[in-house]
PDB file of N, CA and C in Angstrom:
ATOM      1  N   MET A   1    -309.171 128.433 -22.743  1.00  0.00           N
ATOM      2  CA  MET A   1    -310.576 128.209 -22.263  1.00  0.00           C
ATOM      3  C   MET A   1    -310.730 128.442 -20.709  1.00  0.00           C
ATOM      4  N   ILE A   2    -311.925 129.218 -20.485  1.00  0.00           N
ATOM      5  CA  ILE A   2    -312.214 129.597 -19.185  1.00  0.00           C
ATOM      6  C   ILE A   2    -313.277 128.600 -18.650  1.00  0.00           C
ATOM      7  N   ARG A   3    -313.137 127.868 -17.595  1.00  0.00           N
ATOM      8  CA  ARG A   3    -313.958 126.803 -16.844  1.00  0.00           C
ATOM      9  C   ARG A   3    -314.866 127.666 -15.913  1.00  0.00           C
ATOM     10  N   VAL A   4    -316.158 127.248 -15.975  1.00  0.00           N
ATOM     11  CA  VAL A   4    -316.949 128.000 -14.943  1.00  0.00           C
ATOM     12  C   VAL A   4    -316.703 127.187 -13.675  1.00  0.00           C
ATOM     13  N   ASP A   5    -316.339 127.922 -12.601  1.00  0.00           N
ATOM     14  CA  ASP A   5    -315.763 127.318 -11.439  1.00  0.00           C
ATOM     15  C   ASP A   5    -316.107 128.183 -10.253  1.00  0.00           C
ATOM     16  N   PHE A   6    -317.213 127.896  -9.689  1.00  0.00           N
ATOM     17  CA  PHE A   6    -317.750 128.767  -8.553  1.00  0.00           C
ATOM     18  C   PHE A   6    -316.789 128.925  -7.349  1.00  0.00           C
ATOM     19  N   SER A   7    -315.914 127.838  -7.252  1.00  0.00           N
ATOM     20  CA  SER A   7    -314.993 127.761  -6.180  1.00  0.00           C
ATOM     21  C   SER A   7    -313.781 128.849  -6.260  1.00  0.00           C
ATOM     22  N   ASP A   8    -313.744 129.178  -7.561  1.00  0.00           N
ATOM     23  CA  ASP A   8    -312.708 130.307  -7.823  1.00  0.00           C
ATOM     24  C   ASP A   8    -312.990 131.632  -7.578  1.00  0.00           C
ATOM     25  N   GLU A   9    -312.323 132.251  -6.578  1.00  0.00           N
ATOM     26  CA  GLU A   9    -312.502 133.613  -6.280  1.00  0.00           C
ATOM     27  C   GLU A   9    -312.675 134.774  -7.491  1.00  0.00           C
ATOM     28  N   ARG A  10    -311.665 134.402  -8.382  1.00  0.00           N
ATOM     29  CA  ARG A  10    -311.780 135.319  -9.523  1.00  0.00           C
ATOM     30  C   ARG A  10    -312.949 135.159 -10.313  1.00  0.00           C
ATOM     31  N   TRP A  11    -313.511 133.935 -10.421  1.00  0.00           N
ATOM     32  CA  TRP A  11    -314.762 133.736 -11.089  1.00  0.00           C
ATOM     33  C   TRP A  11    -315.952 134.394 -10.430  1.00  0.00           C
ATOM     34  N   LEU A  12    -315.966 134.344  -8.993  1.00  0.00           N
ATOM     35  CA  LEU A  12    -317.036 135.132  -8.340  1.00  0.00           C
ATOM     36  C   LEU A  12    -316.945 136.662  -8.633  1.00  0.00           C
ATOM     37  N   ARG A  13    -315.810 137.154  -8.416  1.00  0.00           N
ATOM     38  CA  ARG A  13    -315.800 138.565  -8.750  1.00  0.00           C
ATOM     39  C   ARG A  13    -316.096 138.968 -10.171  1.00  0.00           C
ATOM     40  N   ALA A  14    -315.686 137.961 -11.252  1.00  0.00           N
ATOM     41  CA  ALA A  14    -316.184 138.349 -12.495  1.00  0.00           C
ATOM     42  C   ALA A  14    -317.842 138.321 -12.577  1.00  0.00           C
ATOM     43  N   MET A  15    -318.439 137.322 -11.749  1.00  0.00           N
ATOM     44  CA  MET A  15    -319.864 137.136 -11.745  1.00  0.00           C
ATOM     45  C   MET A  15    -320.585 138.432 -11.068  1.00  0.00           C
ATOM     46  N   GLN A  16    -319.939 138.825 -10.124  1.00  0.00           N
ATOM     47  CA  GLN A  16    -320.556 140.103  -9.313  1.00  0.00           C
ATOM     48  C   GLN A  16    -320.342 141.297 -10.416  1.00  0.00           C
ATOM     49  N   LYS A  17    -319.438 141.394 -11.150  1.00  0.00           N
ATOM     50  CA  LYS A  17    -319.289 142.745 -12.108  1.00  0.00           C
ATOM     51  C   LYS A  17    -320.270 142.391 -13.218  1.00  0.00           C
ATOM     52  N   ALA A  18    -320.413 141.100 -13.567  1.00  0.00           N
ATOM     53  CA  ALA A  18    -321.485 140.944 -14.669  1.00  0.00           C
ATOM     54  C   ALA A  18    -322.858 141.184 -14.397  1.00  0.00           C
ATOM     55  N   VAL A  19    -323.302 140.776 -13.140  1.00  0.00           N
ATOM     56  CA  VAL A  19    -324.633 141.120 -12.619  1.00  0.00           C
ATOM     57  C   VAL A  19    -324.941 142.614 -12.616  1.00  0.00           C
ATOM     58  N   THR A  20    -323.951 143.403 -12.238  1.00  0.00           N
ATOM     59  CA  THR A  20    -324.434 144.791 -12.235  1.00  0.00           C
ATOM     60  C   THR A  20    -324.039 145.623 -13.535  1.00  0.00           C
ATOM     61  N   SER A  21    -323.491 144.872 -14.347  1.00  0.00           N
ATOM     62  CA  SER A  21    -323.268 145.551 -15.676  1.00  0.00           C
ATOM     63  C   SER A  21    -324.631 145.883 -16.499  1.00  0.00           C
ATOM     64  N   PRO A  22    -324.534 147.130 -17.025  1.00  0.00           N
ATOM     65  CA  PRO A  22    -325.702 147.492 -17.877  1.00  0.00           C
ATOM     66  C   PRO A  22    -325.506 146.869 -19.391  1.00  0.00           C
ATOM     67  N   VAL A  23    -324.422 146.401 -19.553  1.00  0.00           N
ATOM     68  CA  VAL A  23    -324.065 145.753 -20.995  1.00  0.00           C
ATOM     69  C   VAL A  23    -325.015 144.525 -21.312  1.00  0.00           C
ATOM     70  N   THR A  24    -325.540 144.339 -22.516  1.00  0.00           N
ATOM     71  CA  THR A  24    -326.149 143.137 -22.941  1.00  0.00           C
ATOM     72  C   THR A  24    -325.387 142.516 -24.070  1.00  0.00           C
ATOM     73  N   PRO A  25    -324.789 141.359 -23.862  1.00  0.00           N
ATOM     74  CA  PRO A  25    -324.297 140.555 -24.887  1.00  0.00           C
ATOM     75  C   PRO A  25    -325.057 140.420 -26.194  1.00  0.00           C
ATOM     76  N   GLU A  26    -324.400 140.527 -27.325  1.00  0.00           N
ATOM     77  CA  GLU A  26    -325.172 140.258 -28.633  1.00  0.00           C
ATOM     78  C   GLU A  26    -324.656 138.983 -29.197  1.00  0.00           C
ATOM     79  N   LEU A  27    -325.647 138.119 -29.408  1.00  0.00           N
ATOM     80  CA  LEU A  27    -325.379 136.880 -30.011  1.00  0.00           C
ATOM     81  C   LEU A  27    -325.024 137.134 -31.494  1.00  0.00           C
ATOM     82  N   ARG A  28    -323.836 136.780 -31.915  1.00  0.00           N
ATOM     83  CA  ARG A  28    -323.508 137.025 -33.463  1.00  0.00           C
ATOM     84  C   ARG A  28    -323.657 135.925 -34.272  1.00  0.00           C
ATOM     85  N   GLU A  29    -323.296 134.705 -33.720  1.00  0.00           N
ATOM     86  CA  GLU A  29    -323.593 133.461 -34.659  1.00  0.00           C
ATOM     87  C   GLU A  29    -323.396 132.275 -33.810  1.00  0.00           C
ATOM     88  N   VAL A  30    -323.974 131.160 -34.318  1.00  0.00           N
ATOM     89  CA  VAL A  30    -323.820 129.852 -33.683  1.00  0.00           C
ATOM     90  C   VAL A  30    -322.977 129.117 -34.536  1.00  0.00           C
ATOM     91  N   LYS A  31    -321.824 128.411 -34.083  1.00  0.00           N
ATOM     92  CA  LYS A  31    -320.947 127.782 -34.883  1.00  0.00           C
ATOM     93  C   LYS A  31    -320.854 126.284 -34.228  1.00  0.00           C
ATOM     94  N   PRO A  32    -320.354 125.398 -35.094  1.00  0.00           N
ATOM     95  CA  PRO A  32    -320.382 123.995 -34.376  1.00  0.00           C
ATOM     96  C   PRO A  32    -319.464 123.876 -33.107  1.00  0.00           C
ATOM     97  N   LEU A  33    -318.523 124.844 -32.865  1.00  0.00           N
ATOM     98  CA  LEU A  33    -317.824 124.849 -31.637  1.00  0.00           C
ATOM     99  C   LEU A  33    -318.416 125.498 -30.626  1.00  0.00           C
ATOM    100  N   GLY A  34    -319.564 126.316 -30.713  1.00  0.00           N
ATOM    101  CA  GLY A  34    -320.148 127.090 -29.695  1.00  0.00           C
ATOM    102  C   GLY A  34    -320.852 128.398 -30.340  1.00  0.00           C
ATOM    103  N   ARG A  35    -321.453 129.110 -29.262  1.00  0.00           N
ATOM    104  CA  ARG A  35    -322.105 130.414 -29.557  1.00  0.00           C
ATOM    105  C   ARG A  35    -321.254 131.519 -29.533  1.00  0.00           C
ATOM    106  N   VAL A  36    -321.188 132.482 -30.434  1.00  0.00           N
ATOM    107  CA  VAL A  36    -320.120 133.670 -30.490  1.00  0.00           C
ATOM    108  C   VAL A  36    -320.969 134.843 -30.130  1.00  0.00           C
ATOM    109  N   TYR A  37    -320.681 135.546 -28.908  1.00  0.00           N
ATOM    110  CA  TYR A  37    -321.227 136.870 -28.481  1.00  0.00           C
ATOM    111  C   TYR A  37    -320.342 137.909 -28.621  1.00  0.00           C
ATOM    112  N   ALA A  38    -320.636 139.050 -28.730  1.00  0.00           N
ATOM    113  CA  ALA A  38    -319.960 140.418 -28.665  1.00  0.00           C
ATOM    114  C   ALA A  38    -320.402 140.975 -27.432  1.00  0.00           C
ATOM    115  N   VAL A  39    -319.449 141.477 -26.817  1.00  0.00           N
ATOM    116  CA  VAL A  39    -319.522 142.023 -25.558  1.00  0.00           C
ATOM    117  C   VAL A  39    -318.588 143.385 -25.581  1.00  0.00           C
ATOM    118  N   SER A  40    -319.414 144.591 -25.219  1.00  0.00           N
ATOM    119  CA  SER A  40    -318.713 145.751 -25.130  1.00  0.00           C
ATOM    120  C   SER A  40    -317.885 145.864 -23.757  1.00  0.00           C
ATOM    121  N   SER A  41    -316.748 146.476 -23.878  1.00  0.00           N
ATOM    122  CA  SER A  41    -315.903 146.658 -22.696  1.00  0.00           C
ATOM    123  C   SER A  41    -316.690 147.697 -21.699  1.00  0.00           C
ATOM    124  N   SER A  42    -316.223 147.879 -20.501  1.00  0.00           N
ATOM    125  CA  SER A  42    -316.769 148.693 -19.492  1.00  0.00           C
ATOM    126  C   SER A  42    -316.772 150.136 -20.040  1.00  0.00           C
ATOM    127  N   SER A  43    -315.772 150.335 -20.655  1.00  0.00           N
ATOM    128  CA  SER A  43    -315.376 151.767 -21.177  1.00  0.00           C
ATOM    129  C   SER A  43    -316.259 152.019 -22.546  1.00  0.00           C
ATOM    130  N   GLY A  44    -316.727 151.025 -23.216  1.00  0.00           N
ATOM    131  CA  GLY A  44    -317.333 151.032 -24.393  1.00  0.00           C
ATOM    132  C   GLY A  44    -316.525 151.379 -25.529  1.00  0.00           C
ATOM    133  N   GLU A  45    -315.279 151.364 -25.334  1.00  0.00           N
ATOM    134  CA  GLU A  45    -314.316 151.543 -26.363  1.00  0.00           C
ATOM    135  C   GLU A  45    -313.887 150.324 -27.171  1.00  0.00           C
ATOM    136  N   ASP A  46    -314.072 149.159 -26.707  1.00  0.00           N
ATOM    137  CA  ASP A  46    -313.756 148.078 -27.163  1.00  0.00           C
ATOM    138  C   ASP A  46    -314.957 146.829 -27.226  1.00  0.00           C
ATOM    139  N   THR A  47    -314.808 146.038 -28.115  1.00  0.00           N
ATOM    140  CA  THR A  47    -315.850 145.014 -28.253  1.00  0.00           C
ATOM    141  C   THR A  47    -314.979 143.785 -28.262  1.00  0.00           C
ATOM    142  N   TYR A  48    -315.353 142.737 -27.139  1.00  0.00           N
ATOM    143  CA  TYR A  48    -314.621 141.455 -27.164  1.00  0.00           C
ATOM    144  C   TYR A  48    -315.673 140.355 -27.608  1.00  0.00           C
ATOM    145  N   LEU A  49    -315.105 139.446 -28.123  1.00  0.00           N
ATOM    146  CA  LEU A  49    -315.909 138.156 -28.600  1.00  0.00           C
ATOM    147  C   LEU A  49    -315.580 137.143 -27.511  1.00  0.00           C
ATOM    148  N   VAL A  50    -316.769 136.524 -27.120  1.00  0.00           N
ATOM    149  CA  VAL A  50    -316.896 135.476 -26.228  1.00  0.00           C
ATOM    150  C   VAL A  50    -317.469 134.188 -26.814  1.00  0.00           C
ATOM    151  N   VAL A  51    -316.798 133.095 -26.889  1.00  0.00           N
ATOM    152  CA  VAL A  51    -317.428 131.832 -27.354  1.00  0.00           C
ATOM    153  C   VAL A  51    -317.839 130.988 -26.029  1.00  0.00           C
ATOM    154  N   LEU A  52    -318.979 130.471 -26.121  1.00  0.00           N
ATOM    155  CA  LEU A  52    -319.650 129.709 -25.271  1.00  0.00           C
ATOM    156  C   LEU A  52    -319.786 128.409 -25.795  1.00  0.00           C
ATOM    157  N   GLN A  53    -319.189 127.273 -25.123  1.00  0.00           N
ATOM    158  CA  GLN A  53    -319.282 125.921 -25.606  1.00  0.00           C
ATOM    159  C   GLN A  53    -319.948 125.009 -24.598  1.00  0.00           C
ATOM    160  N   PRO A  54    -321.276 124.549 -24.500  1.00  0.00           N
ATOM    161  CA  PRO A  54    -321.714 123.615 -23.615  1.00  0.00           C
ATOM    162  C   PRO A  54    -321.205 122.322 -24.010  1.00  0.00           C
ATOM    163  N   LEU A  55    -320.846 121.458 -22.852  1.00  0.00           N
ATOM    164  CA  LEU A  55    -320.208 120.237 -23.142  1.00  0.00           C
ATOM    165  C   LEU A  55    -321.380 119.191 -22.851  1.00  0.00           C
ATOM    166  N   PRO A  56    -321.173 117.841 -23.377  1.00  0.00           N
ATOM    167  CA  PRO A  56    -322.251 116.862 -23.230  1.00  0.00           C
ATOM    168  C   PRO A  56    -322.436 116.610 -21.720  1.00  0.00           C
ATOM    169  N   ASP A  57    -321.332 116.731 -20.861  1.00  0.00           N
ATOM    170  CA  ASP A  57    -321.432 116.353 -19.509  1.00  0.00           C
ATOM    171  C   ASP A  57    -322.058 117.391 -18.565  1.00  0.00           C
ATOM    172  N   GLY A  58    -322.531 118.592 -19.237  1.00  0.00           N
ATOM    173  CA  GLY A  58    -323.208 119.780 -18.494  1.00  0.00           C
ATOM    174  C   GLY A  58    -322.424 120.728 -18.238  1.00  0.00           C
ATOM    175  N   ARG A  59    -321.034 120.559 -18.331  1.00  0.00           N
ATOM    176  CA  ARG A  59    -320.053 121.637 -18.093  1.00  0.00           C
ATOM    177  C   ARG A  59    -320.019 122.721 -19.218  1.00  0.00           C
ATOM    178  N   THR A  60    -319.608 123.899 -18.847  1.00  0.00           N
ATOM    179  CA  THR A  60    -319.679 124.866 -19.963  1.00  0.00           C
ATOM    180  C   THR A  60    -317.964 125.458 -20.124  1.00  0.00           C
ATOM    181  N   LEU A  61    -317.654 125.542 -21.368  1.00  0.00           N
ATOM    182  CA  LEU A  61    -316.155 126.172 -21.479  1.00  0.00           C
ATOM    183  C   LEU A  61    -316.598 127.621 -22.187  1.00  0.00           C
ATOM    184  N   LEU A  62    -315.715 128.576 -21.866  1.00  0.00           N
ATOM    185  CA  LEU A  62    -315.881 129.812 -22.437  1.00  0.00           C
ATOM    186  C   LEU A  62    -314.523 130.339 -22.828  1.00  0.00           C
ATOM    187  N   SER A  63    -314.443 131.139 -23.840  1.00  0.00           N
ATOM    188  CA  SER A  63    -313.123 131.818 -24.170  1.00  0.00           C
ATOM    189  C   SER A  63    -313.573 133.334 -24.483  1.00  0.00           C
ATOM    190  N   CYS A  64    -312.697 134.178 -24.176  1.00  0.00           N
ATOM    191  CA  CYS A  64    -312.942 135.630 -24.376  1.00  0.00           C
ATOM    192  C   CYS A  64    -311.531 136.250 -24.975  1.00  0.00           C
ATOM    193  N   ASN A  65    -311.608 137.063 -26.004  1.00  0.00           N
ATOM    194  CA  ASN A  65    -310.351 137.641 -26.474  1.00  0.00           C
ATOM    195  C   ASN A  65    -310.100 138.932 -25.689  1.00  0.00           C
ATOM    196  N   CYS A  66    -310.701 139.219 -24.415  1.00  0.00           N
ATOM    197  CA  CYS A  66    -310.061 140.302 -23.594  1.00  0.00           C
ATOM    198  C   CYS A  66    -308.589 140.017 -23.046  1.00  0.00           C
ATOM    199  N   PRO A  67    -308.066 141.085 -22.523  1.00  0.00           N
ATOM    200  CA  PRO A  67    -306.763 140.740 -21.872  1.00  0.00           C
ATOM    201  C   PRO A  67    -306.752 139.656 -20.898  1.00  0.00           C
ATOM    202  N   ALA A  68    -307.602 139.522 -19.970  1.00  0.00           N
ATOM    203  CA  ALA A  68    -307.789 138.385 -18.919  1.00  0.00           C
ATOM    204  C   ALA A  68    -308.185 137.201 -19.618  1.00  0.00           C
ATOM    205  N   GLY A  69    -309.097 137.035 -20.548  1.00  0.00           N
ATOM    206  CA  GLY A  69    -309.491 135.823 -21.268  1.00  0.00           C
ATOM    207  C   GLY A  69    -308.554 135.158 -22.185  1.00  0.00           C
ATOM    208  N   THR A  70    -307.583 135.881 -22.787  1.00  0.00           N
ATOM    209  CA  THR A  70    -306.754 135.528 -23.575  1.00  0.00           C
ATOM    210  C   THR A  70    -305.561 134.746 -22.581  1.00  0.00           C
ATOM    211  N   HIS A  71    -305.539 134.894 -21.359  1.00  0.00           N
ATOM    212  CA  HIS A  71    -304.652 134.207 -20.397  1.00  0.00           C
ATOM    213  C   HIS A  71    -305.429 133.299 -19.514  1.00  0.00           C
ATOM    214  N   ASP A  72    -306.599 132.779 -20.129  1.00  0.00           N
ATOM    215  CA  ASP A  72    -307.473 131.808 -19.689  1.00  0.00           C
ATOM    216  C   ASP A  72    -307.954 132.132 -18.107  1.00  0.00           C
ATOM    217  N   ARG A  73    -308.094 133.394 -17.826  1.00  0.00           N
ATOM    218  CA  ARG A  73    -308.496 133.955 -16.534  1.00  0.00           C
ATOM    219  C   ARG A  73    -310.106 134.332 -16.669  1.00  0.00           C
ATOM    220  N   PRO A  74    -310.809 134.193 -15.527  1.00  0.00           N
ATOM    221  CA  PRO A  74    -312.263 134.565 -15.620  1.00  0.00           C
ATOM    222  C   PRO A  74    -312.290 135.991 -15.904  1.00  0.00           C
ATOM    223  N   CYS A  75    -313.227 136.384 -16.763  1.00  0.00           N
ATOM    224  CA  CYS A  75    -313.437 137.879 -16.936  1.00  0.00           C
ATOM    225  C   CYS A  75    -314.931 138.018 -16.895  1.00  0.00           C
ATOM    226  N   TRP A  76    -315.325 139.318 -16.654  1.00  0.00           N
ATOM    227  CA  TRP A  76    -316.824 139.544 -16.508  1.00  0.00           C
ATOM    228  C   TRP A  76    -317.507 139.432 -17.929  1.00  0.00           C
ATOM    229  N   HIS A  77    -316.844 139.459 -18.955  1.00  0.00           N
ATOM    230  CA  HIS A  77    -317.601 139.304 -20.284  1.00  0.00           C
ATOM    231  C   HIS A  77    -317.932 137.846 -20.357  1.00  0.00           C
ATOM    232  N   ALA A  78    -317.266 136.980 -20.048  1.00  0.00           N
ATOM    233  CA  ALA A  78    -317.477 135.592 -20.114  1.00  0.00           C
ATOM    234  C   ALA A  78    -318.473 135.317 -19.143  1.00  0.00           C
ATOM    235  N   ALA A  79    -318.524 135.827 -17.990  1.00  0.00           N
ATOM    236  CA  ALA A  79    -319.440 135.590 -16.948  1.00  0.00           C
ATOM    237  C   ALA A  79    -320.820 136.237 -17.334  1.00  0.00           C
ATOM    238  N   LEU A  80    -320.772 137.349 -18.006  1.00  0.00           N
ATOM    239  CA  LEU A  80    -322.118 137.899 -18.549  1.00  0.00           C
ATOM    240  C   LEU A  80    -322.699 137.079 -19.622  1.00  0.00           C
ATOM    241  N   VAL A  81    -321.878 136.466 -20.404  1.00  0.00           N
ATOM    242  CA  VAL A  81    -322.414 135.589 -21.604  1.00  0.00           C
ATOM    243  C   VAL A  81    -322.986 134.340 -20.860  1.00  0.00           C
ATOM    244  N   TRP A  82    -322.346 133.851 -20.006  1.00  0.00           N
ATOM    245  CA  TRP A  82    -322.719 132.554 -19.185  1.00  0.00           C
ATOM    246  C   TRP A  82    -324.110 132.871 -18.505  1.00  0.00           C
ATOM    247  N   LEU A  83    -324.198 134.107 -17.657  1.00  0.00           N
ATOM    248  CA  LEU A  83    -325.318 134.391 -17.173  1.00  0.00           C
ATOM    249  C   LEU A  83    -326.514 134.409 -18.006  1.00  0.00           C
ATOM    250  N   THR A  84    -326.264 135.185 -19.141  1.00  0.00           N
ATOM    251  CA  THR A  84    -327.359 135.354 -20.288  1.00  0.00           C
ATOM    252  C   THR A  84    -327.820 134.015 -20.763  1.00  0.00           C
ATOM    253  N   TRP A  85    -326.894 133.294 -21.302  1.00  0.00           N
ATOM    254  CA  TRP A  85    -327.136 131.938 -21.782  1.00  0.00           C
ATOM    255  C   TRP A  85    -327.949 131.050 -20.750  1.00  0.00           C
ATOM    256  N   SER A  86    -327.597 131.037 -19.529  1.00  0.00           N
ATOM    257  CA  SER A  86    -328.233 130.120 -18.535  1.00  0.00           C
ATOM    258  C   SER A  86    -329.660 130.792 -18.305  1.00  0.00           C
ATOM    259  N   ARG A  87    -329.898 132.089 -18.233  1.00  0.00           N
ATOM    260  CA  ARG A  87    -331.101 132.753 -18.221  1.00  0.00           C
ATOM    261  C   ARG A  87    -332.012 132.191 -19.357  1.00  0.00           C
ATOM    262  N   GLU A  88    -331.630 132.178 -20.545  1.00  0.00           N
ATOM    263  CA  GLU A  88    -332.272 131.919 -21.663  1.00  0.00           C
ATOM    264  C   GLU A  88    -332.747 130.296 -21.674  1.00  0.00           C
ATOM    265  N   ALA A  89    -331.786 129.705 -21.135  1.00  0.00           N
ATOM    266  CA  ALA A  89    -332.093 128.123 -21.011  1.00  0.00           C
ATOM    267  C   ALA A  89    -333.194 127.810 -20.175  1.00  0.00           C
ATOM    268  N   VAL A  90    -333.170 128.445 -18.990  1.00  0.00           N
ATOM    269  CA  VAL A  90    -334.234 128.372 -18.053  1.00  0.00           C
ATOM    270  C   VAL A  90    -335.529 128.874 -18.467  1.00  0.00           C
ATOM    271  N   GLU A  91    -335.604 130.070 -19.198  1.00  0.00           N
ATOM    272  CA  GLU A  91    -336.802 130.550 -19.810  1.00  0.00           C
ATOM    273  C   GLU A  91    -337.385 129.536 -20.848  1.00  0.00           C
ATOM    274  N   LYS A  92    -336.454 128.998 -21.814  1.00  0.00           N
ATOM    275  CA  LYS A  92    -337.038 128.009 -22.612  1.00  0.00           C
ATOM    276  C   LYS A  92    -337.566 126.864 -22.064  1.00  0.00           C
ATOM    277  N   ALA A  93    -336.894 126.395 -20.826  1.00  0.00           N
ATOM    278  CA  ALA A  93    -337.467 125.125 -20.253  1.00  0.00           C
ATOM    279  C   ALA A  93    -338.758 125.479 -19.454  1.00  0.00           C
ATOM    280  N   SER A  94    -338.993 126.584 -19.170  1.00  0.00           N
ATOM    281  CA  SER A  94    -340.231 126.945 -18.288  1.00  0.00           C
ATOM    282  C   SER A  94    -341.503 126.565 -19.124  1.00  0.00           C
ATOM    283  N   PRO A  95    -342.542 126.259 -18.368  1.00  0.00           N
ATOM    284  CA  PRO A  95    -343.727 125.844 -18.936  1.00  0.00           C
ATOM    285  C   PRO A  95    -344.430 127.136 -19.621  1.00  0.00           C
ATOM    286  N   GLY A  96    -344.934 127.013 -20.741  1.00  0.00           N
ATOM    287  CA  GLY A  96    -345.446 128.065 -21.583  1.00  0.00           C
ATOM    288  C   GLY A  96    -344.573 128.791 -22.612  1.00  0.00           C
ATOM    289  N   HIS A  97    -343.436 128.109 -22.647  1.00  0.00           N
ATOM    290  CA  HIS A  97    -342.503 128.686 -23.650  1.00  0.00           C
ATOM    291  C   HIS A  97    -342.233 127.646 -24.826  1.00  0.00           C
TER     292      HIS A  97
END
């Protein structure tokens, strides 16, 4: 599991890549343990699955089946899913939604 940690330099690099990526994560399904997203690789040759699990205490856990994610290291696929999910949560909470 990848824990969102902005004090981790690797997580910040993953976020930077996610922000500039033209890729849009595709929500595949919502399961009891989290939301499953498909994210294309940078090359477009592979598709990785990212599971996002919000915890009751406000923290978020992510897992990705890319080479970095399988070693519990921050990856831009997980960062992209976290950014997308966070943006959706803010939009839903905004007045008029």
